[in-house]
N, C-alpha and C. Protein backbone atom coordinates (compact mmCIF):
# COMPACT_ATOMS: atom_id res chain seq x y z
N UNK A 1 71.11 58.24 115.76
CA UNK A 1 71.32 59.27 114.60
C UNK A 1 72.72 58.59 114.08
N UNK A 2 72.66 58.52 112.73
CA UNK A 2 73.85 58.00 111.96
C UNK A 2 74.86 58.96 112.10
N UNK A 3 76.04 58.40 111.71
CA UNK A 3 77.39 59.36 111.51
C UNK A 3 77.13 60.28 110.38
N UNK A 4 76.53 59.82 109.41
CA UNK A 4 76.30 60.62 108.21
C UNK A 4 75.42 61.89 108.52
N UNK A 5 74.45 61.64 109.11
CA UNK A 5 73.46 62.83 109.53
C UNK A 5 74.12 63.76 110.54
N UNK A 6 74.91 63.17 111.53
CA UNK A 6 75.66 64.06 112.44
C UNK A 6 76.69 64.91 111.69
N UNK A 7 77.47 64.35 110.78
CA UNK A 7 78.37 65.14 110.04
C UNK A 7 77.77 66.19 109.15
N UNK A 8 76.55 65.81 108.69
CA UNK A 8 75.75 66.76 107.81
C UNK A 8 75.26 67.98 108.71
N UNK A 9 74.77 67.67 109.77
CA UNK A 9 74.31 68.69 110.70
C UNK A 9 75.51 69.61 111.17
N UNK A 10 76.54 68.93 111.58
CA UNK A 10 77.74 69.68 111.94
C UNK A 10 78.29 70.69 110.82
N UNK A 11 78.36 70.19 109.66
CA UNK A 11 78.80 71.05 108.53
C UNK A 11 77.84 72.16 108.32
N UNK A 12 76.47 72.02 108.47
CA UNK A 12 75.53 73.03 108.19
C UNK A 12 75.61 74.14 109.33
N UNK A 13 75.77 73.71 110.65
CA UNK A 13 75.90 74.69 111.64
C UNK A 13 77.29 75.48 111.43
N UNK A 14 78.42 74.81 111.04
CA UNK A 14 79.56 75.56 110.84
C UNK A 14 79.47 76.57 109.71
N UNK A 15 78.72 76.29 108.60
CA UNK A 15 78.63 77.18 107.54
C UNK A 15 77.73 78.40 107.65
N UNK A 16 76.63 78.17 108.43
CA UNK A 16 75.61 79.30 108.60
C UNK A 16 76.22 80.54 109.07
N UNK A 17 76.99 80.57 110.26
CA UNK A 17 77.61 81.85 110.66
C UNK A 17 78.52 82.46 109.65
N UNK A 18 79.31 81.62 109.02
CA UNK A 18 80.31 82.19 108.13
C UNK A 18 79.51 82.79 106.82
N UNK A 19 78.59 82.13 106.42
CA UNK A 19 77.85 82.54 105.26
C UNK A 19 77.09 83.84 105.48
N UNK A 20 76.63 83.98 106.79
CA UNK A 20 75.91 85.26 107.24
C UNK A 20 76.95 86.49 107.16
N UNK A 21 78.14 86.19 107.42
CA UNK A 21 79.24 87.23 107.52
C UNK A 21 79.71 87.54 106.14
N UNK A 22 79.36 86.83 105.09
CA UNK A 22 79.75 87.26 103.80
C UNK A 22 79.27 88.48 103.22
N UNK A 23 79.96 89.10 102.39
CA UNK A 23 79.56 90.45 101.82
C UNK A 23 80.57 90.93 100.98
N UNK A 24 80.30 92.04 100.24
CA UNK A 24 81.29 92.70 99.53
C UNK A 24 82.26 93.39 100.31
N UNK A 25 83.62 93.50 99.93
CA UNK A 25 84.53 94.16 100.78
C UNK A 25 84.24 95.69 100.62
N UNK A 26 84.41 96.45 101.80
CA UNK A 26 84.21 97.89 101.57
C UNK A 26 85.53 98.50 101.37
N UNK A 27 85.57 99.60 100.61
CA UNK A 27 86.82 100.27 100.29
C UNK A 27 87.17 100.99 101.58
N UNK A 28 88.49 101.05 101.74
CA UNK A 28 89.00 101.67 102.88
C UNK A 28 89.29 103.10 102.62
N UNK A 29 89.28 103.93 103.69
CA UNK A 29 89.49 105.37 103.42
C UNK A 29 91.00 105.63 102.86
N UNK A 30 91.94 104.81 103.28
CA UNK A 30 93.25 105.04 102.83
C UNK A 30 93.49 104.59 101.28
N UNK A 31 92.47 103.89 100.76
CA UNK A 31 92.72 103.37 99.29
C UNK A 31 92.03 104.37 98.32
N UNK A 32 91.60 105.51 98.80
CA UNK A 32 91.05 106.54 97.92
C UNK A 32 89.72 106.05 97.33
N UNK A 33 88.88 105.34 98.08
CA UNK A 33 87.61 104.78 97.61
C UNK A 33 87.68 103.49 96.87
N UNK A 34 88.82 103.00 96.53
CA UNK A 34 89.05 101.87 95.72
C UNK A 34 89.22 100.70 96.61
N UNK A 35 88.68 99.42 96.20
CA UNK A 35 88.97 98.14 96.72
C UNK A 35 90.15 97.64 96.14
N UNK A 36 91.29 97.34 96.97
CA UNK A 36 92.54 96.81 96.32
C UNK A 36 92.23 95.57 95.50
N UNK A 37 92.73 95.38 94.30
CA UNK A 37 92.66 94.25 93.68
C UNK A 37 93.61 93.20 94.11
N UNK A 38 93.49 91.99 93.70
CA UNK A 38 94.39 90.93 94.03
C UNK A 38 95.86 91.10 93.63
N UNK A 39 96.08 91.94 92.55
CA UNK A 39 97.43 92.31 92.06
C UNK A 39 98.01 93.41 92.96
N UNK A 40 98.77 93.12 93.74
CA UNK A 40 99.35 94.28 94.77
C UNK A 40 100.23 95.13 94.19
N UNK A 41 100.82 94.81 92.97
CA UNK A 41 101.64 95.66 92.26
C UNK A 41 101.11 96.93 91.73
N UNK A 42 99.75 96.80 91.36
CA UNK A 42 99.01 98.03 90.80
C UNK A 42 98.46 98.87 91.87
N UNK A 43 98.31 98.41 93.06
CA UNK A 43 97.80 99.15 94.23
C UNK A 43 98.79 99.96 95.03
N UNK A 44 100.03 99.32 94.78
CA UNK A 44 101.19 99.90 95.80
C UNK A 44 102.19 100.61 95.06
N UNK A 45 102.26 101.77 95.39
CA UNK A 45 103.36 102.68 94.80
C UNK A 45 103.81 103.71 95.66
N UNK A 46 104.91 104.34 95.56
CA UNK A 46 105.42 105.32 96.54
C UNK A 46 105.40 106.68 95.80
N UNK A 47 104.47 107.43 96.29
CA UNK A 47 104.29 108.87 95.60
C UNK A 47 105.70 109.64 95.87
N UNK A 48 106.00 110.52 95.08
CA UNK A 48 107.18 111.40 95.19
C UNK A 48 107.06 112.17 96.55
N UNK A 49 108.25 112.23 97.19
CA UNK A 49 108.20 113.08 98.45
C UNK A 49 107.62 112.49 99.67
N UNK A 50 107.47 111.16 99.61
CA UNK A 50 107.01 110.47 100.91
C UNK A 50 108.18 110.13 101.70
N UNK A 51 107.93 110.14 103.03
CA UNK A 51 108.98 109.78 104.01
C UNK A 51 109.02 108.32 104.10
N UNK A 52 110.10 107.70 104.31
CA UNK A 52 110.26 106.33 104.60
C UNK A 52 110.84 106.01 105.84
N UNK A 53 110.60 104.86 106.37
CA UNK A 53 111.08 104.44 107.70
C UNK A 53 112.69 104.32 107.54
N UNK A 54 113.29 105.10 108.40
CA UNK A 54 114.88 105.02 108.27
C UNK A 54 115.39 103.65 108.54
N UNK A 55 114.86 102.88 109.35
CA UNK A 55 115.34 101.55 109.57
C UNK A 55 115.17 100.53 108.42
N UNK A 56 114.03 100.58 107.75
CA UNK A 56 113.79 99.67 106.58
C UNK A 56 113.82 100.27 105.24
N UNK A 57 113.73 101.59 105.21
CA UNK A 57 113.61 102.19 103.85
C UNK A 57 112.16 102.00 103.20
N UNK A 58 111.23 101.54 103.94
CA UNK A 58 110.04 101.29 103.27
C UNK A 58 108.87 102.40 103.97
N UNK A 59 108.15 102.82 103.04
CA UNK A 59 107.10 103.80 103.32
C UNK A 59 106.04 103.08 104.28
N UNK A 60 105.69 103.71 105.43
CA UNK A 60 104.82 103.11 106.34
C UNK A 60 103.43 103.05 105.65
N UNK A 61 102.96 104.05 104.84
CA UNK A 61 101.68 103.84 104.07
C UNK A 61 101.64 102.63 103.21
N UNK A 62 102.79 102.31 102.66
CA UNK A 62 102.89 101.15 101.85
C UNK A 62 102.70 99.97 102.56
N UNK A 63 103.28 99.86 103.73
CA UNK A 63 103.12 98.58 104.62
C UNK A 63 101.64 98.51 104.91
N UNK A 64 101.02 99.60 105.24
CA UNK A 64 99.55 99.54 105.60
C UNK A 64 98.72 99.02 104.45
N UNK A 65 99.05 99.48 103.33
CA UNK A 65 98.26 99.07 102.07
C UNK A 65 98.49 97.67 101.79
N UNK A 66 99.64 97.16 102.03
CA UNK A 66 99.94 95.74 101.69
C UNK A 66 99.14 94.87 102.82
N UNK A 67 99.19 95.30 104.10
CA UNK A 67 98.49 94.65 105.14
C UNK A 67 97.06 94.61 104.82
N UNK A 68 96.41 95.70 104.41
CA UNK A 68 94.95 95.67 103.97
C UNK A 68 94.64 94.85 102.95
N UNK A 69 95.56 94.69 101.96
CA UNK A 69 95.42 93.80 100.78
C UNK A 69 95.44 92.38 101.21
N UNK A 70 96.28 92.07 102.12
CA UNK A 70 96.40 90.76 102.53
C UNK A 70 95.11 90.44 103.36
N UNK A 71 94.69 91.25 104.15
CA UNK A 71 93.48 91.00 104.99
C UNK A 71 92.20 90.82 104.11
N UNK A 72 92.03 91.67 103.11
CA UNK A 72 90.90 91.54 102.16
C UNK A 72 91.11 90.21 101.48
N UNK A 73 92.21 89.77 100.96
CA UNK A 73 92.36 88.58 100.26
C UNK A 73 92.03 87.31 101.21
N UNK A 74 92.52 87.36 102.45
CA UNK A 74 92.23 86.34 103.37
C UNK A 74 90.77 86.21 103.73
N UNK A 75 89.98 87.41 103.74
CA UNK A 75 88.53 87.46 104.06
C UNK A 75 87.78 86.81 102.84
N UNK A 76 88.22 87.27 101.59
CA UNK A 76 87.60 86.74 100.42
C UNK A 76 87.86 85.24 100.28
N UNK A 77 89.03 84.60 100.64
CA UNK A 77 89.21 83.15 100.59
C UNK A 77 88.29 82.50 101.69
N UNK A 78 88.18 83.11 102.83
CA UNK A 78 87.27 82.43 103.88
C UNK A 78 85.83 82.52 103.54
N UNK A 79 85.42 83.60 102.79
CA UNK A 79 83.96 83.61 102.52
C UNK A 79 83.69 82.78 101.33
N UNK A 80 84.54 82.62 100.38
CA UNK A 80 84.47 81.82 99.19
C UNK A 80 84.41 80.24 99.74
N UNK A 81 85.27 79.88 100.64
CA UNK A 81 85.26 78.59 101.28
C UNK A 81 84.00 78.26 102.04
N UNK A 82 83.57 79.23 102.80
CA UNK A 82 82.24 79.05 103.60
C UNK A 82 81.05 78.92 102.58
N UNK A 83 81.09 79.71 101.57
CA UNK A 83 79.89 79.65 100.59
C UNK A 83 79.94 78.34 99.89
N UNK A 84 81.08 77.81 99.59
CA UNK A 84 81.32 76.45 98.97
C UNK A 84 80.71 75.36 99.84
N UNK A 85 81.24 75.50 101.13
CA UNK A 85 80.79 74.51 102.16
C UNK A 85 79.32 74.52 102.34
N UNK A 86 78.69 75.70 102.34
CA UNK A 86 77.30 75.83 102.47
C UNK A 86 76.55 75.16 101.19
N UNK A 87 77.11 75.49 100.06
CA UNK A 87 76.47 74.81 98.73
C UNK A 87 76.64 73.30 98.76
N UNK A 88 77.77 72.77 99.12
CA UNK A 88 77.95 71.31 99.15
C UNK A 88 76.99 70.61 100.27
N UNK A 89 76.93 71.38 101.32
CA UNK A 89 76.11 70.89 102.49
C UNK A 89 74.57 70.73 102.08
N UNK A 90 74.12 71.86 101.36
CA UNK A 90 72.71 71.91 100.97
C UNK A 90 72.43 70.91 99.79
N UNK A 91 73.43 70.76 98.91
CA UNK A 91 73.28 69.82 97.84
C UNK A 91 73.10 68.45 98.46
N UNK A 92 73.97 68.13 99.33
CA UNK A 92 74.05 66.78 99.78
C UNK A 92 72.78 66.41 100.67
N UNK A 93 72.26 67.44 101.47
CA UNK A 93 70.96 67.29 102.17
C UNK A 93 69.88 67.03 101.22
N UNK A 94 69.87 67.80 100.17
CA UNK A 94 68.68 67.54 99.13
C UNK A 94 68.80 66.23 98.56
N UNK A 95 70.03 65.74 98.24
CA UNK A 95 70.22 64.42 97.59
C UNK A 95 69.83 63.25 98.54
N UNK A 96 70.00 63.52 99.89
CA UNK A 96 69.71 62.47 100.76
C UNK A 96 68.26 62.40 101.34
N UNK A 97 67.52 63.24 100.79
CA UNK A 97 66.08 63.31 101.13
C UNK A 97 65.46 61.90 100.62
N UNK A 98 64.99 61.09 101.56
CA UNK A 98 64.24 59.94 101.20
C UNK A 98 65.04 58.82 100.68
N UNK A 99 66.42 58.84 100.91
CA UNK A 99 67.24 57.62 100.47
C UNK A 99 68.31 57.41 101.48
N UNK A 100 68.94 56.30 101.33
CA UNK A 100 70.14 56.02 102.17
C UNK A 100 71.39 56.61 101.54
N UNK A 101 72.36 56.80 102.34
CA UNK A 101 73.71 57.34 101.84
C UNK A 101 74.35 56.21 101.05
N UNK A 102 75.08 56.60 100.08
CA UNK A 102 75.86 55.72 99.17
C UNK A 102 77.44 56.09 99.39
N UNK A 103 78.27 55.13 98.86
CA UNK A 103 79.66 55.43 99.06
C UNK A 103 80.17 56.77 98.45
N UNK A 104 79.42 57.20 97.31
CA UNK A 104 79.71 58.49 96.79
C UNK A 104 79.36 59.54 97.64
N UNK A 105 78.18 59.44 98.46
CA UNK A 105 77.76 60.43 99.43
C UNK A 105 78.80 60.56 100.52
N UNK A 106 79.34 59.39 100.84
CA UNK A 106 80.47 59.44 101.83
C UNK A 106 81.63 60.15 101.46
N UNK A 107 82.00 60.15 100.24
CA UNK A 107 83.14 60.95 99.61
C UNK A 107 82.80 62.37 99.76
N UNK A 108 81.61 62.71 99.41
CA UNK A 108 81.18 64.07 99.54
C UNK A 108 81.11 64.60 100.94
N UNK A 109 80.77 63.70 101.86
CA UNK A 109 80.77 64.01 103.33
C UNK A 109 82.21 64.27 103.78
N UNK A 110 83.08 63.39 103.36
CA UNK A 110 84.51 63.70 103.70
C UNK A 110 85.13 64.93 103.17
N UNK A 111 84.60 65.32 102.00
CA UNK A 111 85.04 66.66 101.51
C UNK A 111 84.42 67.79 102.26
N UNK A 112 83.24 67.64 102.65
CA UNK A 112 82.62 68.69 103.45
C UNK A 112 83.24 68.85 104.84
N UNK A 113 83.60 67.63 105.38
CA UNK A 113 84.29 67.69 106.75
C UNK A 113 85.78 68.32 106.53
N UNK A 114 86.44 68.13 105.50
CA UNK A 114 87.74 68.70 105.21
C UNK A 114 87.65 70.14 105.00
N UNK A 115 86.69 70.55 104.26
CA UNK A 115 86.41 72.02 104.13
C UNK A 115 85.98 72.64 105.30
N UNK A 116 85.20 72.04 106.18
CA UNK A 116 84.63 72.64 107.40
C UNK A 116 86.09 72.83 108.37
N UNK A 117 86.83 71.80 108.36
CA UNK A 117 88.06 72.01 109.16
C UNK A 117 88.88 73.12 108.66
N UNK A 118 89.05 73.21 107.40
CA UNK A 118 89.79 74.47 106.79
C UNK A 118 89.22 75.72 107.12
N UNK A 119 87.98 75.88 106.93
CA UNK A 119 87.29 77.12 107.32
C UNK A 119 87.46 77.43 108.90
N UNK A 120 87.36 76.45 109.63
CA UNK A 120 87.54 76.61 111.02
C UNK A 120 88.92 77.12 111.40
N UNK A 121 89.83 76.45 110.76
CA UNK A 121 91.35 76.81 111.04
C UNK A 121 91.69 78.08 110.48
N UNK A 122 90.93 78.49 109.46
CA UNK A 122 91.35 79.93 108.79
C UNK A 122 90.68 80.94 109.78
N UNK A 123 89.57 80.64 110.34
CA UNK A 123 88.88 81.61 111.22
C UNK A 123 89.80 81.75 112.50
N UNK A 124 90.41 80.79 112.96
CA UNK A 124 91.21 80.93 114.13
C UNK A 124 92.45 81.75 113.84
N UNK A 125 93.03 81.66 112.72
CA UNK A 125 94.33 82.47 112.51
C UNK A 125 94.09 83.81 112.12
């Protein structure tokens, strides 16, 4: 089995579980049914009369909303990268049907391998 085919198979196995987990983000109960947008300034505000942490002076609810927004953004980036990896892998697989790999295909394989490592590292953290 050639190195090209092995890399292609590895990339497809890495992308399938990640693509299966993709979906639209669910609104959290603390966001009032809204999914926080990427602009955290519009989602984060301190209502009048809320208590703040005496040590930091920051509202704990504000900290939770910021953390939820960061988690949603991270998940969105991982899903986008996994979907891109899946699309590149499927496109390369279709292009390689019935012909040998070219130097341009090798560049695409390198990009797929780089993206696969990036997705893997993101899932670890």
